[in-house]
Amino acid sequence: MSDHEPPILARRTLLLAGAGLAGAGLPLGGTAAAEGAPPEGALTDLPLVPPRTEFVYEAVVEIAPLVPLGDSPLGERRIVPITGGRFQGPRIRGTVLPGGADRQLVRKDGVRRLDALYEMQAEDGAILTVRNQVLIDPGRDGAPDYRFSTIEVTAPEGPHAWLNRLVLVGTLTSLRPAREAVLVRAFRLA
């Protein structure tokens, strides 16, 4: 490589930085606004472009009463059977099939870890397997609960295979006492 030619890594860094600025809607020659500025303590000076979310579906998941499974070294174990429900979004809808369950661990610090595994059937008959892992931190000092999840959907090849290519995050809301169900909303990171 000659002295006049910048290293390939430096070119790539400049191209990526330019693409990041353009993708953030910032002028290439201007300064970054506070929103796109790198966070204090960041390792690079590239602008911060947080992911967006797009709604994929919501599911009303009907549940049976909680079954305690006893204490463990990690906390209290319990299970909540899934008995049915419905789901719907802009590109897909159908029913939540009975037979799944939400395995829960209530840690000594009060935080609950939920690991739900169940199937949903789309209107066209395709069966989707859903794994929803939720962390619930009870609100302290008047703050609301922290209830967010990562959702993995496994779909068969065909019209719903697009679900296999998404990173999904979700929210969880209890519908009690109105009904024995929870509301799961799924969003794709974009």
Protein backbone atom coordinates (compact mmCIF):
# COMPACT_ATOMS: atom_id res chain seq x y z
CA MET A 1 0.00 0.00 0.00
CA SER A 2 1.36 3.47 -0.87
CA ASP A 3 1.62 6.37 1.59
CA HIS A 4 -1.07 8.27 -0.37
CA GLU A 5 -3.74 5.58 -0.12
CA PRO A 6 -5.81 5.41 3.11
CA PRO A 7 -6.06 1.96 4.69
CA ILE A 8 -9.10 -0.12 3.69
CA LEU A 9 -10.31 -0.17 7.29
CA ALA A 10 -10.31 3.65 7.41
CA ARG A 11 -12.33 3.79 4.16
CA ARG A 12 -14.87 1.32 5.53
CA THR A 13 -15.14 3.32 8.76
CA LEU A 14 -15.77 6.52 6.80
CA LEU A 15 -18.35 4.81 4.59
CA LEU A 16 -20.14 3.32 7.58
CA ALA A 17 -20.07 6.64 9.41
CA GLY A 18 -21.53 8.39 6.36
CA ALA A 19 -24.21 5.73 6.02
CA GLY A 20 -25.02 6.07 9.72
CA LEU A 21 -25.35 9.85 9.41
CA ALA A 22 -27.50 9.56 6.30
CA GLY A 23 -29.66 6.86 7.91
CA ALA A 24 -30.13 9.08 10.96
CA GLY A 25 -31.29 11.93 8.75
CA LEU A 26 -28.27 14.05 9.63
CA PRO A 27 -26.36 16.11 7.08
CA LEU A 28 -23.04 14.52 6.17
CA GLY A 29 -21.13 17.76 6.65
CA GLY A 30 -23.04 19.02 9.70
CA THR A 31 -22.93 18.30 13.37
CA ALA A 32 -24.95 15.63 15.07
CA ALA A 33 -28.00 16.72 17.03
CA ALA A 34 -28.21 15.65 20.66
CA GLU A 35 -30.53 12.77 19.69
CA GLY A 36 -28.03 11.25 17.23
CA ALA A 37 -24.92 12.17 19.17
CA PRO A 38 -22.89 9.33 20.61
CA PRO A 39 -23.69 8.70 24.26
CA GLU A 40 -21.25 9.92 26.86
CA GLY A 41 -18.63 7.26 27.46
CA ALA A 42 -19.15 5.64 24.03
CA LEU A 43 -16.22 3.85 22.42
CA THR A 44 -16.72 5.55 19.04
CA ASP A 45 -17.87 8.90 17.75
CA LEU A 46 -20.46 7.32 15.45
CA PRO A 47 -23.96 8.74 15.95
CA LEU A 48 -26.35 6.77 18.08
CA VAL A 49 -29.25 5.48 15.97
CA PRO A 50 -31.57 3.45 18.21
CA PRO A 51 -33.71 0.72 16.63
CA ARG A 52 -37.33 1.46 15.80
CA THR A 53 -40.16 -0.91 16.55
CA GLU A 54 -43.08 -1.95 14.34
CA PHE A 55 -46.22 -3.69 15.61
CA VAL A 56 -46.48 -7.34 14.47
CA TYR A 57 -49.37 -8.80 16.49
CA GLU A 58 -51.16 -8.87 19.80
CA ALA A 59 -52.39 -12.01 21.51
CA VAL A 60 -54.96 -12.47 24.23
CA VAL A 61 -53.65 -15.62 25.90
CA GLU A 62 -56.13 -17.38 28.18
CA ILE A 63 -54.65 -19.01 31.26
CA ALA A 64 -55.62 -21.49 33.98
CA PRO A 65 -54.85 -20.95 37.67
CA LEU A 66 -51.23 -20.90 38.75
CA VAL A 67 -49.76 -24.19 40.00
CA PRO A 68 -46.96 -23.86 42.60
CA LEU A 69 -43.97 -26.17 41.99
CA GLY A 70 -42.02 -25.42 45.18
CA ASP A 71 -38.95 -23.48 46.15
CA SER A 72 -35.54 -23.94 44.57
CA PRO A 73 -32.14 -22.42 45.29
CA LEU A 74 -33.00 -19.76 42.66
CA GLY A 75 -36.47 -18.91 44.00
CA GLU A 76 -40.09 -20.04 43.90
CA ARG A 77 -41.04 -22.15 40.87
CA ARG A 78 -44.53 -22.21 39.39
CA ILE A 79 -46.37 -22.95 36.17
CA VAL A 80 -49.41 -21.39 34.49
CA PRO A 81 -51.16 -23.57 31.87
CA ILE A 82 -52.21 -21.85 28.63
CA THR A 83 -55.77 -22.79 27.67
CA GLY A 84 -56.37 -20.87 24.41
CA GLY A 85 -56.89 -17.40 23.03
CA ARG A 86 -56.69 -15.30 19.87
CA PHE A 87 -54.02 -13.28 18.10
CA GLN A 88 -54.13 -10.68 15.35
CA GLY A 89 -51.87 -8.28 13.52
CA PRO A 90 -51.66 -6.47 10.18
CA ARG A 91 -50.35 -9.57 8.33
CA ILE A 92 -51.54 -12.51 10.43
CA ARG A 93 -54.34 -13.70 12.73
CA GLY A 94 -55.60 -16.87 14.32
CA THR A 95 -55.99 -18.74 17.60
CA VAL A 96 -53.74 -19.56 20.53
CA LEU A 97 -53.84 -23.33 20.99
CA PRO A 98 -54.34 -24.93 24.40
CA GLY A 99 -51.55 -27.06 25.81
CA GLY A 100 -48.72 -24.58 26.27
CA ALA A 101 -47.49 -23.30 29.60
CA ASP A 102 -45.73 -20.40 31.24
CA ARG A 103 -42.99 -21.59 33.58
CA GLN A 104 -42.17 -18.96 36.17
CA LEU A 105 -39.41 -18.30 38.65
CA VAL A 106 -39.94 -15.73 41.39
CA ARG A 107 -36.46 -14.76 42.51
CA LYS A 108 -35.54 -13.85 46.07
CA ASP A 109 -35.38 -10.16 45.03
CA GLY A 110 -39.00 -10.24 43.79
CA VAL A 111 -38.14 -10.22 40.08
CA ARG A 112 -40.16 -12.77 38.06
CA ARG A 113 -38.70 -14.64 35.07
CA LEU A 114 -41.36 -16.12 32.78
CA ASP A 115 -40.65 -18.63 30.03
CA ALA A 116 -43.80 -19.34 28.03
CA LEU A 117 -43.83 -21.94 25.27
CA TYR A 118 -47.00 -22.44 23.22
CA GLU A 119 -48.43 -22.76 19.72
CA MET A 120 -50.61 -20.42 17.69
CA GLN A 121 -52.55 -21.50 14.60
CA ALA A 122 -52.93 -18.98 11.77
CA GLU A 123 -56.22 -18.77 9.86
CA ASP A 124 -54.70 -20.76 6.99
CA GLY A 125 -53.88 -23.66 9.36
CA ALA A 126 -50.14 -22.99 9.76
CA ILE A 127 -48.87 -23.75 13.27
CA LEU A 128 -46.45 -21.23 14.82
CA THR A 129 -44.39 -22.07 17.90
CA VAL A 130 -43.89 -19.13 20.26
CA ARG A 131 -41.33 -18.80 23.04
CA ASN A 132 -41.86 -15.66 25.09
CA GLN A 133 -39.28 -14.92 27.79
CA VAL A 134 -40.42 -12.12 30.09
CA LEU A 135 -38.74 -10.22 32.90
CA ILE A 136 -41.05 -8.54 35.41
CA ASP A 137 -39.49 -6.25 37.99
CA PRO A 138 -42.12 -5.01 40.45
CA GLY A 139 -42.28 -1.23 40.62
CA ARG A 140 -40.49 0.31 43.55
CA ASP A 141 -41.12 3.69 45.15
CA GLY A 142 -44.32 4.21 43.15
CA ALA A 143 -42.76 3.32 39.80
CA PRO A 144 -44.69 1.00 37.47
CA ASP A 145 -43.67 -2.61 36.90
CA TYR A 146 -40.99 -3.24 34.29
CA ARG A 147 -42.52 -5.89 31.95
CA PHE A 148 -40.69 -6.59 28.72
CA SER A 149 -39.86 -9.71 26.77
CA THR A 150 -38.04 -11.26 23.89
CA ILE A 151 -40.25 -13.35 21.63
CA GLU A 152 -39.11 -16.05 19.24
CA VAL A 153 -41.61 -17.29 16.66
CA THR A 154 -40.87 -20.41 14.62
CA ALA A 155 -43.07 -20.69 11.53
CA PRO A 156 -43.18 -23.36 8.83
CA GLU A 157 -41.84 -22.54 5.38
CA GLY A 158 -44.49 -20.78 3.34
CA PRO A 159 -46.52 -17.62 3.74
CA HIS A 160 -45.52 -17.03 7.39
CA ALA A 161 -41.77 -17.71 7.02
CA TRP A 162 -41.15 -13.94 7.33
CA LEU A 163 -41.65 -14.40 11.10
CA ASN A 164 -38.49 -16.55 11.23
CA ARG A 165 -36.39 -13.56 10.16
CA LEU A 166 -37.39 -11.10 12.88
CA VAL A 167 -36.09 -10.04 16.25
CA LEU A 168 -39.23 -9.51 18.31
CA VAL A 169 -39.65 -7.75 21.62
CA GLY A 170 -42.85 -7.61 23.58
CA THR A 171 -44.94 -6.29 26.40
CA LEU A 172 -47.13 -8.23 28.82
CA THR A 173 -50.27 -6.91 30.52
CA SER A 174 -52.56 -8.86 32.85
CA LEU A 175 -56.26 -8.71 31.92
CA ARG A 176 -57.35 -9.80 35.41
CA PRO A 177 -59.80 -9.43 37.04
CA ALA A 178 -61.93 -8.90 33.89
CA ARG A 179 -60.77 -12.23 32.47
CA GLU A 180 -58.24 -14.99 33.12
CA ALA A 181 -55.86 -13.90 30.38
CA VAL A 182 -52.82 -11.82 29.56
CA LEU A 183 -52.25 -9.47 26.63
CA VAL A 184 -48.99 -10.01 24.73
CA ARG A 185 -47.98 -7.38 22.17
CA ALA A 186 -45.13 -8.24 19.78
CA PHE A 187 -43.00 -5.70 17.93
CA ARG A 188 -40.23 -6.24 15.41
CA LEU A 189 -36.99 -4.32 15.78
CA ALA A 190 -36.34 -2.33 12.61
